[in-house]
Amino acid sequence: MKKLIETIVKPLVDHPEDVRIGVEERQGRLVCSLSVHPEDMGKVIGKQGRVASAIRTVVNSAEGASRKRVRVDIMD
């Protein structure tokens, strides 16, 4: 999942070197914490959260093979 999120997010931002993704398992689900440069938060979230929602949709679609629920948290 980490690689998938990197592939989606890095082309969107102006500071791809500041993209950090932490993955941990909590209560049978994968929690991916996405951190970007403060100037890039708007680009990752998008208008009315549409980009963030699209990222979550793609990640949840891809998780079907792993059979674990995935949550993506966007942090600054």
N, C-alpha and C. Protein backbone atom coordinates (compact mmCIF):
# COMPACT_ATOMS: atom_id res chain seq x y z
N MET A 1 0.81 -1.19 0.00
CA MET A 1 0.00 0.00 0.00
C MET A 1 0.86 1.26 0.00
N LYS A 2 1.96 1.19 0.72
CA LYS A 2 2.85 2.35 0.81
C LYS A 2 3.31 2.80 -0.58
N LYS A 3 3.73 1.85 -1.40
CA LYS A 3 4.22 2.16 -2.74
C LYS A 3 3.10 2.75 -3.61
N LEU A 4 1.90 2.23 -3.48
CA LEU A 4 0.76 2.73 -4.24
C LEU A 4 0.47 4.18 -3.88
N ILE A 5 0.46 4.49 -2.59
CA ILE A 5 0.18 5.85 -2.16
C ILE A 5 1.28 6.79 -2.65
N GLU A 6 2.54 6.37 -2.57
CA GLU A 6 3.65 7.19 -3.07
C GLU A 6 3.47 7.46 -4.56
N THR A 7 3.10 6.45 -5.31
CA THR A 7 2.92 6.59 -6.76
C THR A 7 1.81 7.60 -7.09
N ILE A 8 0.79 7.65 -6.28
CA ILE A 8 -0.31 8.58 -6.51
C ILE A 8 0.05 10.00 -6.07
N VAL A 9 0.66 10.13 -4.90
CA VAL A 9 0.84 11.44 -4.27
C VAL A 9 2.04 12.22 -4.81
N LYS A 10 3.16 11.57 -5.04
CA LYS A 10 4.37 12.30 -5.42
C LYS A 10 4.22 13.16 -6.68
N PRO A 11 3.53 12.72 -7.72
CA PRO A 11 3.36 13.60 -8.89
C PRO A 11 2.44 14.81 -8.61
N LEU A 12 1.64 14.76 -7.56
CA LEU A 12 0.72 15.84 -7.25
C LEU A 12 1.37 17.02 -6.53
N VAL A 13 2.46 16.77 -5.83
CA VAL A 13 3.02 17.77 -4.92
C VAL A 13 4.25 18.46 -5.51
N ASP A 14 4.56 19.64 -4.94
CA ASP A 14 5.75 20.39 -5.35
C ASP A 14 7.00 19.93 -4.61
N HIS A 15 6.83 19.28 -3.49
CA HIS A 15 7.94 18.81 -2.66
C HIS A 15 7.84 17.29 -2.46
N PRO A 16 8.12 16.50 -3.50
CA PRO A 16 7.97 15.04 -3.37
C PRO A 16 8.94 14.42 -2.37
N GLU A 17 10.03 15.11 -2.09
CA GLU A 17 11.00 14.57 -1.13
C GLU A 17 10.46 14.62 0.30
N ASP A 18 9.43 15.41 0.54
CA ASP A 18 8.84 15.53 1.88
C ASP A 18 7.65 14.60 2.10
N VAL A 19 7.32 13.77 1.13
CA VAL A 19 6.21 12.82 1.29
C VAL A 19 6.67 11.68 2.19
N ARG A 20 5.96 11.48 3.28
CA ARG A 20 6.26 10.42 4.24
C ARG A 20 5.01 9.58 4.45
N ILE A 21 5.19 8.28 4.43
CA ILE A 21 4.06 7.38 4.63
C ILE A 21 4.44 6.34 5.68
N GLY A 22 3.68 6.32 6.75
CA GLY A 22 3.88 5.32 7.78
C GLY A 22 2.74 4.31 7.72
N VAL A 23 3.07 3.05 7.84
CA VAL A 23 2.06 2.00 7.80
C VAL A 23 2.16 1.17 9.06
N GLU A 24 1.03 1.01 9.72
CA GLU A 24 1.00 0.13 10.89
C GLU A 24 -0.33 -0.61 10.91
N GLU A 25 -0.34 -1.71 11.62
CA GLU A 25 -1.55 -2.51 11.71
C GLU A 25 -2.19 -2.28 13.07
N ARG A 26 -3.47 -1.91 13.04
CA ARG A 26 -4.22 -1.70 14.28
C ARG A 26 -5.55 -2.43 14.18
N GLN A 27 -5.81 -3.29 15.10
CA GLN A 27 -7.09 -4.00 15.20
C GLN A 27 -7.49 -4.65 13.89
N GLY A 28 -6.55 -5.29 13.23
CA GLY A 28 -6.85 -6.01 12.00
C GLY A 28 -7.01 -5.15 10.77
N ARG A 29 -6.64 -3.89 10.84
CA ARG A 29 -6.72 -3.02 9.67
C ARG A 29 -5.39 -2.29 9.50
N LEU A 30 -5.05 -1.97 8.27
CA LEU A 30 -3.84 -1.21 7.98
C LEU A 30 -4.17 0.28 8.06
N VAL A 31 -3.35 1.02 8.79
CA VAL A 31 -3.51 2.46 8.89
C VAL A 31 -2.30 3.10 8.24
N CYS A 32 -2.54 3.85 7.17
CA CYS A 32 -1.47 4.53 6.44
C CYS A 32 -1.54 6.01 6.80
N SER A 33 -0.46 6.53 7.38
CA SER A 33 -0.40 7.93 7.75
C SER A 33 0.42 8.66 6.69
N LEU A 34 -0.21 9.58 5.98
CA LEU A 34 0.43 10.32 4.91
C LEU A 34 0.77 11.71 5.41
N SER A 35 2.03 12.08 5.28
CA SER A 35 2.49 13.40 5.69
C SER A 35 3.17 14.06 4.50
N VAL A 36 2.81 15.32 4.23
CA VAL A 36 3.39 16.07 3.12
C VAL A 36 3.85 17.44 3.63
N HIS A 37 4.58 18.14 2.78
CA HIS A 37 5.02 19.49 3.08
C HIS A 37 3.78 20.37 3.29
N PRO A 38 3.81 21.31 4.25
CA PRO A 38 2.63 22.14 4.52
C PRO A 38 2.09 22.87 3.28
N GLU A 39 2.95 23.26 2.38
CA GLU A 39 2.49 23.95 1.17
C GLU A 39 1.72 23.03 0.23
N ASP A 40 1.89 21.72 0.39
CA ASP A 40 1.26 20.75 -0.50
C ASP A 40 -0.04 20.17 0.05
N MET A 41 -0.43 20.56 1.25
CA MET A 41 -1.64 19.99 1.85
C MET A 41 -2.87 20.23 0.97
N GLY A 42 -3.02 21.42 0.44
CA GLY A 42 -4.17 21.72 -0.40
C GLY A 42 -4.23 20.88 -1.65
N LYS A 43 -3.07 20.57 -2.20
CA LYS A 43 -3.03 19.76 -3.42
C LYS A 43 -3.42 18.31 -3.13
N VAL A 44 -3.06 17.82 -1.97
CA VAL A 44 -3.36 16.43 -1.61
C VAL A 44 -4.83 16.30 -1.19
N ILE A 45 -5.34 17.32 -0.52
CA ILE A 45 -6.75 17.27 -0.09
C ILE A 45 -7.68 17.62 -1.24
N GLY A 46 -7.36 18.66 -2.01
CA GLY A 46 -8.17 19.05 -3.15
C GLY A 46 -9.41 19.83 -2.74
N LYS A 47 -10.11 20.35 -3.74
CA LYS A 47 -11.33 21.11 -3.46
C LYS A 47 -12.37 20.18 -2.86
N GLN A 48 -12.90 20.61 -1.73
CA GLN A 48 -13.93 19.85 -1.00
C GLN A 48 -13.49 18.42 -0.71
N GLY A 49 -12.19 18.17 -0.62
CA GLY A 49 -11.68 16.86 -0.26
C GLY A 49 -11.75 15.82 -1.36
N ARG A 50 -11.92 16.26 -2.59
CA ARG A 50 -12.10 15.31 -3.69
C ARG A 50 -10.85 14.49 -3.99
N VAL A 51 -9.67 15.12 -3.93
CA VAL A 51 -8.44 14.36 -4.21
C VAL A 51 -8.19 13.35 -3.10
N ALA A 52 -8.36 13.77 -1.85
CA ALA A 52 -8.19 12.85 -0.72
C ALA A 52 -9.17 11.68 -0.83
N SER A 53 -10.38 11.97 -1.20
CA SER A 53 -11.39 10.92 -1.36
C SER A 53 -11.00 9.96 -2.48
N ALA A 54 -10.48 10.50 -3.58
CA ALA A 54 -10.06 9.65 -4.70
C ALA A 54 -8.89 8.75 -4.29
N ILE A 55 -7.94 9.30 -3.53
CA ILE A 55 -6.81 8.50 -3.05
C ILE A 55 -7.32 7.35 -2.19
N ARG A 56 -8.23 7.66 -1.28
CA ARG A 56 -8.79 6.62 -0.41
C ARG A 56 -9.55 5.56 -1.20
N THR A 57 -10.27 5.98 -2.22
CA THR A 57 -11.02 5.03 -3.05
C THR A 57 -10.09 4.08 -3.78
N VAL A 58 -9.02 4.61 -4.36
CA VAL A 58 -8.07 3.76 -5.09
C VAL A 58 -7.39 2.78 -4.13
N VAL A 59 -6.98 3.27 -2.97
CA VAL A 59 -6.31 2.40 -1.99
C VAL A 59 -7.26 1.32 -1.49
N ASN A 60 -8.50 1.67 -1.22
CA ASN A 60 -9.46 0.67 -0.75
C ASN A 60 -9.80 -0.34 -1.84
N SER A 61 -9.78 0.07 -3.09
CA SER A 61 -10.01 -0.87 -4.19
C SER A 61 -8.85 -1.85 -4.32
N ALA A 62 -7.66 -1.35 -4.11
CA ALA A 62 -6.47 -2.19 -4.22
C ALA A 62 -6.33 -3.15 -3.04
N GLU A 63 -6.92 -2.82 -1.92
CA GLU A 63 -6.77 -3.67 -0.74
C GLU A 63 -7.56 -4.96 -0.85
N GLY A 64 -8.38 -5.11 -1.85
CA GLY A 64 -9.19 -6.31 -2.01
C GLY A 64 -8.36 -7.59 -2.01
N ALA A 65 -7.15 -7.53 -2.54
CA ALA A 65 -6.29 -8.71 -2.59
C ALA A 65 -5.76 -9.08 -1.21
N SER A 66 -5.54 -8.09 -0.35
CA SER A 66 -4.96 -8.37 0.96
C SER A 66 -6.01 -8.75 2.00
N ARG A 67 -7.28 -8.49 1.70
CA ARG A 67 -8.40 -8.82 2.59
C ARG A 67 -8.35 -8.04 3.91
N LYS A 68 -7.59 -6.96 3.97
CA LYS A 68 -7.56 -6.12 5.17
C LYS A 68 -8.10 -4.75 4.82
N ARG A 69 -8.86 -4.18 5.73
CA ARG A 69 -9.36 -2.83 5.53
C ARG A 69 -8.18 -1.86 5.67
N VAL A 70 -8.19 -0.82 4.87
CA VAL A 70 -7.12 0.17 4.88
C VAL A 70 -7.72 1.54 5.15
N ARG A 71 -7.06 2.28 6.04
CA ARG A 71 -7.46 3.66 6.33
C ARG A 71 -6.29 4.56 5.99
N VAL A 72 -6.55 5.65 5.30
CA VAL A 72 -5.50 6.61 4.95
C VAL A 72 -5.77 7.89 5.72
N ASP A 73 -4.83 8.27 6.58
CA ASP A 73 -4.93 9.52 7.34
C ASP A 73 -3.95 10.51 6.74
N ILE A 74 -4.40 11.71 6.46
CA ILE A 74 -3.55 12.76 5.90
C ILE A 74 -3.20 13.72 7.03
N MET A 75 -1.89 13.87 7.27
CA MET A 75 -1.42 14.70 8.36
C MET A 75 -0.48 15.77 7.83
N ASP A 76 -0.35 16.84 8.57
CA ASP A 76 0.61 17.87 8.15
C ASP A 76 1.92 17.75 8.87
